[in-house]
Structures are given as structure tokens and as C-alpha cells.
């Protein structure tokens, strides 16, 4: 309903992807876009591909996650291209950098992006 200025997705893309596959992830991206006002921002912190392998290796999500993992075609290094495509519709991206600091777990030191509608 275009009622939000900002939608944030921190540390969830892997779990959506493993639970619902590429189509579930694309649904998340399109839904974020649909709910933003013009000029709104989708702030994204995607997990790296290696963390997907670790999760599936630990059997997180079981057989469903493993099946989705093996079928994934849209990997995290392609998210920017997909979000800026006509399929999702964001107009630009700002790379916010990678958080650093004492007390911040190394696993959470991941690049963050702000996509503009």
C-alpha cells in the first residue's frame, strides 16, 4: 500500500531463500518494493553464500532447505542486479559499507545496501 519510508531486512535473506527458494526471495524483494513510498529505501544485509553452505551442512531446515539450496540460481552476489532489474524495480543503490567495531560478532560484519524506489 506504499505506506513505508524504510523497509529493513537484516540477516534474513538466507533463511527466506532456504525455506522458500528463489521465488520466495524474489517475493520478499517485490513485497518490500510494493510497500515503499516513492523515494523509500529497502535496507538490506544479505548473508554470504558460504553461510548458506554452513546452514545446510548443519542440516538447518532439513530436506526442504537442502532441496532449495541445490536449486538456487539467484545467489547473494546477484541480489543487487536483481533488485535493480525491471523484475523488482528499485531505481538505484547506495552501498552503506560494512559495520565494524568491538563487540560486533565477526559473522555480522557484512556489507549493507540501501535500495531506492
C-alpha atoms as a PDB file:
ATOM      1  CA  UNK A   1       0.000   0.000   0.000  1.00  0.00           C
ATOM      2  CA  UNK A   2       3.051   2.293  -0.395  1.00  0.00           C
ATOM      3  CA  UNK A   3       2.949   3.357   3.245  1.00  0.00           C
ATOM      4  CA  UNK A   4       6.555   2.949   4.396  1.00  0.00           C
ATOM      5  CA  UNK A   5       9.626   5.118   4.040  1.00  0.00           C
ATOM      6  CA  UNK A   6      12.028   2.312   5.001  1.00  0.00           C
ATOM      7  CA  UNK A   7      11.887  -1.486   4.990  1.00  0.00           C
ATOM      8  CA  UNK A   8      14.831  -3.324   6.572  1.00  0.00           C
ATOM      9  CA  UNK A   9      15.981  -6.896   6.010  1.00  0.00           C
ATOM     10  CA  UNK A  10      18.847  -7.805   8.318  1.00  0.00           C
ATOM     11  CA  UNK A  11      20.160 -11.380   8.430  1.00  0.00           C
ATOM     12  CA  UNK A  12      17.057 -12.947   6.880  1.00  0.00           C
ATOM     13  CA  UNK A  13      17.692 -13.442   3.170  1.00  0.00           C
ATOM     14  CA  UNK A  14      19.416 -16.808   3.677  1.00  0.00           C
ATOM     15  CA  UNK A  15      16.535 -18.155   5.774  1.00  0.00           C
ATOM     16  CA  UNK A  16      13.873 -16.958   3.333  1.00  0.00           C
ATOM     17  CA  UNK A  17      15.909 -18.392   0.477  1.00  0.00           C
ATOM     18  CA  UNK A  18      16.412 -21.803   2.121  1.00  0.00           C
ATOM     19  CA  UNK A  19      12.775 -22.054   3.226  1.00  0.00           C
ATOM     20  CA  UNK A  20      11.141 -20.806   0.011  1.00  0.00           C
ATOM     21  CA  UNK A  21      13.754 -20.930  -2.770  1.00  0.00           C
ATOM     22  CA  UNK A  22      14.456 -18.285  -5.385  1.00  0.00           C
ATOM     23  CA  UNK A  23      10.763 -17.499  -5.832  1.00  0.00           C
ATOM     24  CA  UNK A  24      10.344 -16.844  -2.100  1.00  0.00           C
ATOM     25  CA  UNK A  25      13.309 -14.494  -2.086  1.00  0.00           C
ATOM     26  CA  UNK A  26      12.010 -12.641  -5.143  1.00  0.00           C
ATOM     27  CA  UNK A  27       8.611 -12.390  -3.449  1.00  0.00           C
ATOM     28  CA  UNK A  28      10.329 -10.752  -0.439  1.00  0.00           C
ATOM     29  CA  UNK A  29      12.119  -8.255  -2.700  1.00  0.00           C
ATOM     30  CA  UNK A  30       8.966  -7.409  -4.684  1.00  0.00           C
ATOM     31  CA  UNK A  31       6.932  -7.098  -1.482  1.00  0.00           C
ATOM     32  CA  UNK A  32       9.452  -4.671   0.027  1.00  0.00           C
ATOM     33  CA  UNK A  33       9.307  -2.582  -3.152  1.00  0.00           C
ATOM     34  CA  UNK A  34       5.490  -2.605  -3.225  1.00  0.00           C
ATOM     35  CA  UNK A  35       5.227  -1.371   0.361  1.00  0.00           C
ATOM     36  CA  UNK A  36       7.560   1.584  -0.047  1.00  0.00           C
ATOM     37  CA  UNK A  37       6.587   5.126  -0.914  1.00  0.00           C
ATOM     38  CA  UNK A  38       8.316   6.683  -3.922  1.00  0.00           C
ATOM     39  CA  UNK A  39      11.846   7.523  -2.782  1.00  0.00           C
ATOM     40  CA  UNK A  40      11.603   4.952   0.026  1.00  0.00           C
ATOM     41  CA  UNK A  41      14.529   2.714   0.902  1.00  0.00           C
ATOM     42  CA  UNK A  42      14.983  -1.013   1.276  1.00  0.00           C
ATOM     43  CA  UNK A  43      17.973  -1.547   3.584  1.00  0.00           C
ATOM     44  CA  UNK A  44      19.441  -4.989   3.005  1.00  0.00           C
ATOM     45  CA  UNK A  45      22.115  -7.014   4.763  1.00  0.00           C
ATOM     46  CA  UNK A  46      22.466 -10.205   2.719  1.00  0.00           C
ATOM     47  CA  UNK A  47      24.286 -13.213   4.121  1.00  0.00           C
ATOM     48  CA  UNK A  48      27.184 -14.561   2.036  1.00  0.00           C
ATOM     49  CA  UNK A  49      26.869 -17.773   0.026  1.00  0.00           C
ATOM     50  CA  UNK A  50      29.301 -19.600   2.312  1.00  0.00           C
ATOM     51  CA  UNK A  51      26.853 -19.162   5.213  1.00  0.00           C
ATOM     52  CA  UNK A  52      24.164 -20.951   3.171  1.00  0.00           C
ATOM     53  CA  UNK A  53      26.517 -23.927   2.812  1.00  0.00           C
ATOM     54  CA  UNK A  54      27.198 -23.937   6.559  1.00  0.00           C
ATOM     55  CA  UNK A  55      23.483 -23.844   7.406  1.00  0.00           C
ATOM     56  CA  UNK A  56      22.626 -26.689   5.042  1.00  0.00           C
ATOM     57  CA  UNK A  57      25.675 -28.620   6.265  1.00  0.00           C
ATOM     58  CA  UNK A  58      24.315 -28.377   9.818  1.00  0.00           C
ATOM     59  CA  UNK A  59      21.005 -29.612   8.416  1.00  0.00           C
ATOM     60  CA  UNK A  60      19.247 -26.347   9.300  1.00  0.00           C
ATOM     61  CA  UNK A  61      15.847 -26.596   7.647  1.00  0.00           C
ATOM     62  CA  UNK A  62      16.224 -30.258   6.760  1.00  0.00           C
ATOM     63  CA  UNK A  63      15.348 -31.749   3.399  1.00  0.00           C
ATOM     64  CA  UNK A  64      13.365 -28.721   2.211  1.00  0.00           C
ATOM     65  CA  UNK A  65      16.298 -26.368   2.791  1.00  0.00           C
ATOM     66  CA  UNK A  66      18.689 -28.792   1.098  1.00  0.00           C
ATOM     67  CA  UNK A  67      16.416 -29.070  -1.959  1.00  0.00           C
ATOM     68  CA  UNK A  68      16.059 -25.284  -2.200  1.00  0.00           C
ATOM     69  CA  UNK A  69      19.815 -24.835  -1.700  1.00  0.00           C
ATOM     70  CA  UNK A  70      20.570 -27.155  -4.600  1.00  0.00           C
ATOM     71  CA  UNK A  71      18.061 -25.349  -6.841  1.00  0.00           C
ATOM     72  CA  UNK A  72      19.146 -21.757  -6.040  1.00  0.00           C
ATOM     73  CA  UNK A  73      20.057 -19.761  -9.130  1.00  0.00           C
ATOM     74  CA  UNK A  74      19.960 -16.261  -7.605  1.00  0.00           C
ATOM     75  CA  UNK A  75      22.974 -16.101  -5.304  1.00  0.00           C
ATOM     76  CA  UNK A  76      23.723 -13.239  -2.898  1.00  0.00           C
ATOM     77  CA  UNK A  77      26.319 -11.692  -5.229  1.00  0.00           C
ATOM     78  CA  UNK A  78      23.470 -11.266  -7.760  1.00  0.00           C
ATOM     79  CA  UNK A  79      20.978  -9.590  -5.396  1.00  0.00           C
ATOM     80  CA  UNK A  80      21.980  -6.076  -6.427  1.00  0.00           C
ATOM     81  CA  UNK A  81      21.392  -6.810 -10.125  1.00  0.00           C
ATOM     82  CA  UNK A  82      18.044  -8.479  -9.375  1.00  0.00           C
ATOM     83  CA  UNK A  83      16.793  -5.689  -7.112  1.00  0.00           C
ATOM     84  CA  UNK A  84      17.654  -3.087  -9.782  1.00  0.00           C
ATOM     85  CA  UNK A  85      16.033  -5.101 -12.572  1.00  0.00           C
ATOM     86  CA  UNK A  86      12.572  -4.490 -14.021  1.00  0.00           C
ATOM     87  CA  UNK A  87      11.504  -7.713 -12.280  1.00  0.00           C
ATOM     88  CA  UNK A  88      11.769  -5.998  -8.864  1.00  0.00           C
ATOM     89  CA  UNK A  89      12.029  -2.313  -9.769  1.00  0.00           C
ATOM     90  CA  UNK A  90      14.410  -0.406  -7.496  1.00  0.00           C
ATOM     91  CA  UNK A  91      15.974   2.599  -9.222  1.00  0.00           C
ATOM     92  CA  UNK A  92      19.353   2.877  -7.501  1.00  0.00           C
ATOM     93  CA  UNK A  93      21.524   1.508  -4.721  1.00  0.00           C
ATOM     94  CA  UNK A  94      23.805   3.052  -2.141  1.00  0.00           C
ATOM     95  CA  UNK A  95      26.476   0.842  -0.618  1.00  0.00           C
ATOM     96  CA  UNK A  96      26.434   1.626   3.096  1.00  0.00           C
ATOM     97  CA  UNK A  97      29.626  -0.247   3.918  1.00  0.00           C
ATOM     98  CA  UNK A  98      30.356  -2.937   6.458  1.00  0.00           C
ATOM     99  CA  UNK A  99      29.765  -2.392  10.183  1.00  0.00           C
ATOM    100  CA  UNK A 100      32.883  -2.837  12.296  1.00  0.00           C
ATOM    101  CA  UNK A 101      33.584  -2.437  15.958  1.00  0.00           C
ATOM    102  CA  UNK A 102      34.363  -4.001  19.277  1.00  0.00           C
ATOM    103  CA  UNK A 103      31.733  -6.418  20.467  1.00  0.00           C
ATOM    104  CA  UNK A 104      30.312  -6.953  16.976  1.00  0.00           C
ATOM    105  CA  UNK A 105      30.454 -10.647  16.137  1.00  0.00           C
ATOM    106  CA  UNK A 106      32.559 -11.282  13.053  1.00  0.00           C
ATOM    107  CA  UNK A 107      29.656 -13.123  11.416  1.00  0.00           C
ATOM    108  CA  UNK A 108      27.637  -9.904  11.491  1.00  0.00           C
ATOM    109  CA  UNK A 109      30.271  -7.791   9.787  1.00  0.00           C
ATOM    110  CA  UNK A 110      28.586  -7.937   6.392  1.00  0.00           C
ATOM    111  CA  UNK A 111      28.089  -5.255   3.729  1.00  0.00           C
ATOM    112  CA  UNK A 112      24.840  -3.346   3.837  1.00  0.00           C
ATOM    113  CA  UNK A 113      22.944  -1.768   0.946  1.00  0.00           C
ATOM    114  CA  UNK A 114      20.177   0.794   0.606  1.00  0.00           C
ATOM    115  CA  UNK A 115      17.991   0.363  -2.487  1.00  0.00           C
ATOM    116  CA  UNK A 116      15.869   3.356  -3.507  1.00  0.00           C
ATOM    117  CA  UNK A 117      12.398   3.057  -5.002  1.00  0.00           C
END
